[in-house]
């Protein structure tokens, strides 16, 4: 029996596919490990080569009827790619996947929303009944002009934004705690989610929050922003929650067609404790470290990003699991009948 059998009740019941078509991007975010000058994968043939492994994985995964396919770059909607007709490439990609499968598939395009050629993108989204997930970070992402474009595009695409993702770096945490107004506006209008910071760049030790800093941030989210997806587990009234990691029911495809085991983080993480990041060992390490199976919050807990937790240089300045402490804090302010 492997570790995924032991935590089967916590594994998501939908299939998740993450497809990085190419890494070329018009931004250079401080926390991103991608090569944003690379055009590997940025051609019609290379994009369409992703269809076959996606279709095969779906059609040979009979346990699931529903799938989420996240399509990302780099930045897929850069003006240069729109001018070169890439929207038709993307349309052909999703059309062929639909034709060759019989499952319920939700396509999610991920964008930094920093582009000027807006109408063709809007027409593409309308024509294919799509919404987008956008990325926002108050620190380490935008130049002044980039932020102006982003802000204008929030208004233009306001009915097509499904979710806002923010990376939980120390710098972003500090800005949110200090009341970042744009985040306040985004939280008011959209579903927001804080992703764990993947320590994969040279400055990771500066960007990674300590355990205490992360706990203090979670307390702020519990109090002020409880509708964030990464906080729902702490405040909802469900007796059990699925884990946030989709290991055990996911596929990742990189620009060169590689399919890393586990997730793309197993390729990018620097200074790991575990030698084999694609296998089950990092999951076992986390569960063993915090004695998760005996924790009173295990059924409700989303667990963590196992890749991030395997980073050597996290400042471990708490004597217990951050999630356990957050559950205890949330339970102290939300009555069980109103969580």
Protein backbone atom coordinates (compact mmCIF):
# COMPACT_ATOMS: atom_id res chain seq x y z
CA UNK A 1 0.00 0.00 0.00
CA UNK A 2 1.41 3.42 -0.96
CA UNK A 3 0.93 6.74 0.80
CA UNK A 4 -1.82 7.84 -1.59
CA UNK A 5 -3.89 4.81 -0.59
CA UNK A 6 -3.54 5.84 3.06
CA UNK A 7 -4.73 9.39 2.37
CA UNK A 8 -7.23 8.41 -0.34
CA UNK A 9 -10.08 10.29 1.34
CA UNK A 10 -8.07 13.51 1.01
CA UNK A 11 -7.09 13.14 -2.66
CA UNK A 12 -9.18 15.36 -4.96
CA UNK A 13 -11.89 13.59 -6.93
CA UNK A 14 -11.33 15.48 -10.15
CA UNK A 15 -8.39 15.08 -12.48
CA UNK A 16 -6.09 18.10 -12.80
CA UNK A 17 -3.83 18.79 -15.77
CA UNK A 18 -1.34 21.65 -15.76
CA UNK A 19 0.03 22.50 -19.20
CA UNK A 20 2.88 24.99 -19.51
CA UNK A 21 2.84 25.71 -23.24
CA UNK A 22 5.97 27.89 -23.16
CA UNK A 23 7.91 30.03 -20.68
CA UNK A 24 8.29 33.23 -22.71
CA UNK A 25 6.84 36.11 -20.70
CA UNK A 26 6.63 39.91 -20.76
CA UNK A 27 7.20 40.14 -16.98
CA UNK A 28 10.13 39.05 -14.82
CA UNK A 29 8.60 38.39 -11.42
CA UNK A 30 11.15 38.16 -8.61
CA UNK A 31 9.86 34.77 -7.44
CA UNK A 32 9.48 33.02 -10.82
CA UNK A 33 12.07 30.44 -11.96
CA UNK A 34 11.08 30.34 -15.63
CA UNK A 35 13.29 31.40 -18.54
CA UNK A 36 11.17 34.25 -19.84
CA UNK A 37 13.27 34.70 -23.00
CA UNK A 38 12.77 31.11 -24.13
CA UNK A 39 10.49 30.42 -27.09
CA UNK A 40 10.64 26.64 -26.63
CA UNK A 41 7.08 25.41 -27.12
CA UNK A 42 5.89 28.65 -28.75
CA UNK A 43 4.81 27.29 -32.12
CA UNK A 44 1.67 25.71 -33.53
CA UNK A 45 3.21 22.24 -33.85
CA UNK A 46 4.67 22.29 -30.33
CA UNK A 47 1.36 23.45 -28.86
CA UNK A 48 -0.61 20.78 -30.70
CA UNK A 49 1.84 18.09 -29.58
CA UNK A 50 0.35 18.54 -26.09
CA UNK A 51 -3.04 17.20 -27.24
CA UNK A 52 -2.12 13.52 -27.43
CA UNK A 53 -0.71 13.07 -23.89
CA UNK A 54 -3.64 15.04 -22.43
CA UNK A 55 -6.23 12.95 -24.29
CA UNK A 56 -4.48 9.68 -23.46
CA UNK A 57 -4.29 10.54 -19.76
CA UNK A 58 -7.97 11.47 -19.61
CA UNK A 59 -9.19 8.47 -21.60
CA UNK A 60 -7.09 6.07 -19.53
CA UNK A 61 -8.20 7.47 -16.19
CA UNK A 62 -11.66 5.91 -15.83
CA UNK A 63 -12.03 6.85 -12.13
CA UNK A 64 -12.76 10.45 -13.03
CA UNK A 65 -15.50 12.11 -15.03
CA UNK A 66 -14.44 15.72 -14.45
CA UNK A 67 -11.14 17.39 -15.30
CA UNK A 68 -9.59 20.81 -14.88
CA UNK A 69 -7.03 21.75 -17.51
CA UNK A 70 -4.93 24.78 -16.57
CA UNK A 71 -3.22 26.34 -19.57
CA UNK A 72 -0.37 28.71 -18.80
CA UNK A 73 2.92 30.25 -19.91
CA UNK A 74 4.97 32.34 -19.56
CA UNK A 75 2.25 34.67 -20.73
CA UNK A 76 -0.08 33.25 -23.37
CA UNK A 77 -1.84 36.53 -24.22
CA UNK A 78 1.19 38.71 -24.90
CA UNK A 79 0.58 41.19 -27.72
CA UNK A 80 3.29 39.53 -29.87
CA UNK A 81 1.55 36.16 -29.72
CA UNK A 82 -1.89 37.62 -30.38
CA UNK A 83 -0.46 39.40 -33.44
CA UNK A 84 0.95 36.06 -34.64
CA UNK A 85 -2.41 34.29 -34.42
CA UNK A 86 -1.81 32.22 -31.29
CA UNK A 87 -5.43 32.51 -30.17
CA UNK A 88 -6.32 30.20 -33.08
CA UNK A 89 -3.63 27.78 -31.86
CA UNK A 90 -5.22 27.73 -28.40
CA UNK A 91 -8.66 27.28 -29.94
CA UNK A 92 -7.50 24.31 -31.97
CA UNK A 93 -5.91 22.80 -28.85
CA UNK A 94 -9.05 22.90 -26.71
CA UNK A 95 -11.29 21.90 -29.62
CA UNK A 96 -9.27 18.75 -30.35
CA UNK A 97 -9.21 17.77 -26.68
CA UNK A 98 -12.99 18.16 -26.51
CA UNK A 99 -13.52 16.12 -29.67
CA UNK A 100 -11.28 13.25 -28.56
CA UNK A 101 -12.62 12.90 -25.00
CA UNK A 102 -16.04 12.34 -23.49
CA UNK A 103 -15.41 13.79 -20.05
CA UNK A 104 -16.55 16.98 -18.38
CA UNK A 105 -13.59 19.31 -18.96
CA UNK A 106 -13.10 22.79 -17.59
CA UNK A 107 -10.43 24.83 -19.39
CA UNK A 108 -8.74 27.52 -17.34
CA UNK A 109 -6.39 30.02 -19.00
CA UNK A 110 -3.93 31.71 -16.62
CA UNK A 111 -2.76 35.22 -17.41
CA UNK A 112 -0.86 38.12 -15.87
CA UNK A 113 -3.35 40.44 -17.63
CA UNK A 114 -0.54 42.71 -18.87
CA UNK A 115 -1.30 43.15 -22.57
CA UNK A 116 -2.78 45.90 -24.78
CA UNK A 117 -4.42 43.90 -27.58
CA UNK A 118 -7.54 43.27 -25.56
CA UNK A 119 -10.44 42.85 -27.98
CA UNK A 120 -9.14 39.71 -29.73
CA UNK A 121 -8.66 38.11 -26.31
CA UNK A 122 -12.15 39.13 -25.22
CA UNK A 123 -13.61 37.70 -28.45
CA UNK A 124 -11.65 34.46 -27.91
CA UNK A 125 -13.01 34.11 -24.36
CA UNK A 126 -16.58 34.88 -25.43
CA UNK A 127 -16.44 32.57 -28.45
CA UNK A 128 -15.27 29.64 -26.34
CA UNK A 129 -17.24 30.45 -23.18
CA UNK A 130 -14.05 30.80 -21.12
CA UNK A 131 -12.95 32.65 -18.04
CA UNK A 132 -9.41 33.32 -16.87
CA UNK A 133 -7.44 33.09 -13.66
CA UNK A 134 -5.23 36.12 -13.12
CA UNK A 135 -2.05 36.64 -11.14
CA UNK A 136 -1.60 39.57 -8.77
CA UNK A 137 1.30 40.30 -6.46
CA UNK A 138 1.75 43.67 -4.73
CA UNK A 139 5.53 43.14 -4.53
CA UNK A 140 8.02 41.77 -7.05
CA UNK A 141 5.71 41.67 -10.09
CA UNK A 142 4.79 44.95 -11.78
CA UNK A 143 6.56 48.02 -13.06
CA UNK A 144 4.50 51.21 -12.82
CA UNK A 145 3.37 50.94 -16.45
CA UNK A 146 2.63 47.20 -16.11
CA UNK A 147 0.44 47.90 -13.09
CA UNK A 148 -1.48 50.57 -15.02
CA UNK A 149 -2.20 48.10 -17.83
CA UNK A 150 -3.17 45.41 -15.32
CA UNK A 151 -5.56 47.75 -13.52
CA UNK A 152 -7.25 48.83 -16.76
CA UNK A 153 -7.62 45.23 -17.85
CA UNK A 154 -9.25 44.22 -14.57
CA UNK A 155 -12.08 46.57 -15.49
CA UNK A 156 -12.20 45.49 -19.13
CA UNK A 157 -12.25 41.75 -18.33
CA UNK A 158 -14.17 42.02 -15.06
CA UNK A 159 -16.89 39.56 -16.13
CA UNK A 160 -14.35 37.00 -17.33
CA UNK A 161 -12.15 36.74 -14.24
CA UNK A 162 -12.72 33.53 -12.31
CA UNK A 163 -9.98 33.72 -9.70
CA UNK A 164 -7.03 35.81 -8.50
CA UNK A 165 -3.84 34.03 -7.42
CA UNK A 166 -1.23 35.64 -5.17
CA UNK A 167 2.09 34.11 -4.11
CA UNK A 168 2.66 34.03 -0.35
CA UNK A 169 6.13 35.56 -0.33
CA UNK A 170 7.27 37.48 2.73
CA UNK A 171 7.08 40.74 0.77
CA UNK A 172 3.53 40.10 -0.47
CA UNK A 173 2.45 39.11 3.03
CA UNK A 174 3.80 42.37 4.44
CA UNK A 175 1.95 44.41 1.81
CA UNK A 176 -1.36 42.62 2.39
CA UNK A 177 -1.10 43.03 6.16
CA UNK A 178 -0.45 46.75 5.57
CA UNK A 179 -3.77 46.98 3.66
CA UNK A 180 -2.95 46.90 -0.04
CA UNK A 181 -5.88 48.71 -1.67
CA UNK A 182 -5.82 46.84 -4.96
CA UNK A 183 -5.94 43.52 -3.14
CA UNK A 184 -8.89 44.85 -1.11
CA UNK A 185 -10.71 45.61 -4.38
CA UNK A 186 -9.88 42.23 -5.88
CA UNK A 187 -11.00 40.41 -2.74
CA UNK A 188 -14.31 42.29 -2.80
CA UNK A 189 -15.07 41.22 -6.36
CA UNK A 190 -13.37 37.88 -6.96
CA UNK A 191 -12.28 34.61 -5.39
CA UNK A 192 -8.70 35.02 -4.17
CA UNK A 193 -6.17 32.32 -3.36
CA UNK A 194 -2.67 32.49 -1.90
CA UNK A 195 -0.28 29.98 -3.41
CA UNK A 196 2.64 28.69 -1.39
CA UNK A 197 5.90 30.25 -2.52
CA UNK A 198 7.97 27.69 -4.42
CA UNK A 199 11.62 28.29 -3.41
CA UNK A 200 13.20 28.02 -6.82
CA UNK A 201 15.18 31.23 -7.35
CA UNK A 202 18.50 32.53 -6.04
CA UNK A 203 16.75 34.90 -3.60
CA UNK A 204 14.42 32.26 -2.15
CA UNK A 205 15.71 32.65 1.41
CA UNK A 206 14.75 36.33 1.34
CA UNK A 207 11.34 35.63 -0.17
CA UNK A 208 10.34 32.70 2.06
CA UNK A 209 8.32 33.67 5.16
CA UNK A 210 9.19 32.02 8.46
CA UNK A 211 6.64 29.78 10.13
CA UNK A 212 5.68 32.51 12.60
CA UNK A 213 5.29 35.06 9.81
CA UNK A 214 3.07 32.67 7.89
CA UNK A 215 0.96 31.96 10.98
CA UNK A 216 0.50 35.68 11.69
CA UNK A 217 -0.56 36.15 8.08
CA UNK A 218 -3.07 33.32 8.28
CA UNK A 219 -4.58 34.95 11.35
CA UNK A 220 -5.06 38.16 9.36
CA UNK A 221 -6.70 36.20 6.54
CA UNK A 222 -8.98 34.35 8.95
CA UNK A 223 -10.08 37.65 10.49
CA UNK A 224 -10.31 39.91 7.44
CA UNK A 225 -10.34 37.73 4.33
CA UNK A 226 -11.98 34.40 5.23
CA UNK A 227 -13.35 33.89 1.71
CA UNK A 228 -9.85 33.25 0.34
CA UNK A 229 -9.68 29.71 -1.00
CA UNK A 230 -6.65 28.83 1.10
CA UNK A 231 -8.53 29.90 4.25
CA UNK A 232 -11.83 28.13 3.58
CA UNK A 233 -10.57 24.90 5.19
CA UNK A 234 -10.01 26.73 8.47
CA UNK A 235 -13.40 28.43 8.69
CA UNK A 236 -15.94 26.20 6.94
CA UNK A 237 -18.22 23.79 8.79
CA UNK A 238 -17.27 20.68 6.82
CA UNK A 239 -16.13 17.66 8.85
CA UNK A 240 -13.62 16.77 6.12
CA UNK A 241 -11.74 18.62 3.37
CA UNK A 242 -9.61 17.52 0.44
CA UNK A 243 -5.95 18.46 0.39
CA UNK A 244 -4.82 21.40 -1.75
CA UNK A 245 -2.15 19.36 -3.52
CA UNK A 246 -3.53 17.29 -6.42
CA UNK A 247 -0.77 14.67 -6.30
CA UNK A 248 -2.23 11.26 -6.88
CA UNK A 249 -4.62 12.52 -9.56
CA UNK A 250 -2.74 15.02 -11.70
CA UNK A 251 -0.64 15.41 -14.84
CA UNK A 252 1.88 18.16 -15.61
CA UNK A 253 3.24 18.82 -19.11
CA UNK A 254 6.19 21.13 -19.66
CA UNK A 255 7.05 23.13 -22.83
CA UNK A 256 9.36 20.38 -24.12
CA UNK A 257 6.67 17.76 -23.56
CA UNK A 258 8.26 16.39 -20.37
CA UNK A 259 5.83 15.06 -17.76
CA UNK A 260 7.48 15.48 -14.34
CA UNK A 261 6.30 13.18 -11.59
CA UNK A 262 4.25 14.90 -8.89
CA UNK A 263 4.17 18.46 -10.27
CA UNK A 264 6.32 21.10 -11.95
CA UNK A 265 7.70 22.04 -8.54
CA UNK A 266 9.75 18.85 -8.55
CA UNK A 267 11.67 20.32 -11.50
CA UNK A 268 12.13 23.83 -10.13
CA UNK A 269 12.75 23.43 -6.38
CA UNK A 270 16.25 24.36 -5.25
CA UNK A 271 17.90 23.21 -1.99
CA UNK A 272 15.56 20.29 -1.32
CA UNK A 273 15.94 17.89 1.58
CA UNK A 274 14.68 14.89 -0.37
CA UNK A 275 16.59 13.57 -3.37
CA UNK A 276 13.57 12.24 -5.30
CA UNK A 277 10.92 14.97 -5.36
CA UNK A 278 8.60 13.29 -7.84
CA UNK A 279 7.87 10.27 -5.67
CA UNK A 280 5.84 9.73 -2.51
CA UNK A 281 8.74 10.29 -0.08
CA UNK A 282 8.14 14.03 0.35
CA UNK A 283 4.50 13.33 1.24
CA UNK A 284 5.57 10.71 3.79
CA UNK A 285 8.15 13.12 5.22
CA UNK A 286 5.54 15.82 5.83
CA UNK A 287 2.94 13.49 7.34
CA UNK A 288 5.56 11.92 9.60
CA UNK A 289 7.12 15.20 10.71
CA UNK A 290 3.82 16.55 12.03
CA UNK A 291 2.30 13.20 13.00
CA UNK A 292 -0.66 14.14 10.82
CA UNK A 293 -2.63 10.91 11.17
CA UNK A 294 -3.01 11.53 14.91
CA UNK A 295 -3.84 15.23 14.61
CA UNK A 296 -7.34 16.27 15.68
CA UNK A 297 -7.60 18.44 12.56
CA UNK A 298 -6.40 15.86 10.03
CA UNK A 299 -9.77 15.33 8.33
CA UNK A 300 -10.34 19.07 7.96
CA UNK A 301 -6.75 19.95 7.05
CA UNK A 302 -5.75 20.87 3.46
CA UNK A 303 -2.21 19.71 4.27
CA UNK A 304 0.43 21.77 2.48
CA UNK A 305 2.52 22.13 -0.65
CA UNK A 306 4.81 19.16 -0.11
CA UNK A 307 7.46 20.58 -2.45
CA UNK A 308 7.64 23.84 -0.53
CA UNK A 309 7.82 21.99 2.78
CA UNK A 310 10.88 20.08 1.54
CA UNK A 311 12.92 23.28 1.23
CA UNK A 312 16.00 23.23 3.47
CA UNK A 313 15.97 26.86 4.55
CA UNK A 314 12.47 27.51 5.93
CA UNK A 315 12.89 29.26 9.27
CA UNK A 316 11.18 26.79 11.61
CA UNK A 317 10.49 29.09 14.53
CA UNK A 318 7.31 27.37 15.78
CA UNK A 319 7.11 24.21 17.82
CA UNK A 320 4.03 22.91 15.99
CA UNK A 321 2.47 22.79 12.54
CA UNK A 322 1.36 26.19 11.19
CA UNK A 323 -1.89 24.69 9.95
CA UNK A 324 -2.69 23.14 13.32
CA UNK A 325 -2.11 26.48 15.04
CA UNK A 326 -4.33 28.19 12.46
CA UNK A 327 -7.15 25.70 12.99
CA UNK A 328 -6.98 26.30 16.72
CA UNK A 329 -7.03 30.08 16.18
CA UNK A 330 -9.94 29.92 13.71
CA UNK A 331 -11.94 27.70 16.07
CA UNK A 332 -11.41 30.21 18.86
CA UNK A 333 -13.12 33.00 16.93
CA UNK A 334 -15.66 31.11 14.82
CA UNK A 335 -18.27 29.11 16.65
CA UNK A 336 -18.69 25.63 15.15
CA UNK A 337 -22.30 26.40 14.23
CA UNK A 338 -21.33 29.47 12.22
CA UNK A 339 -17.96 28.46 10.68
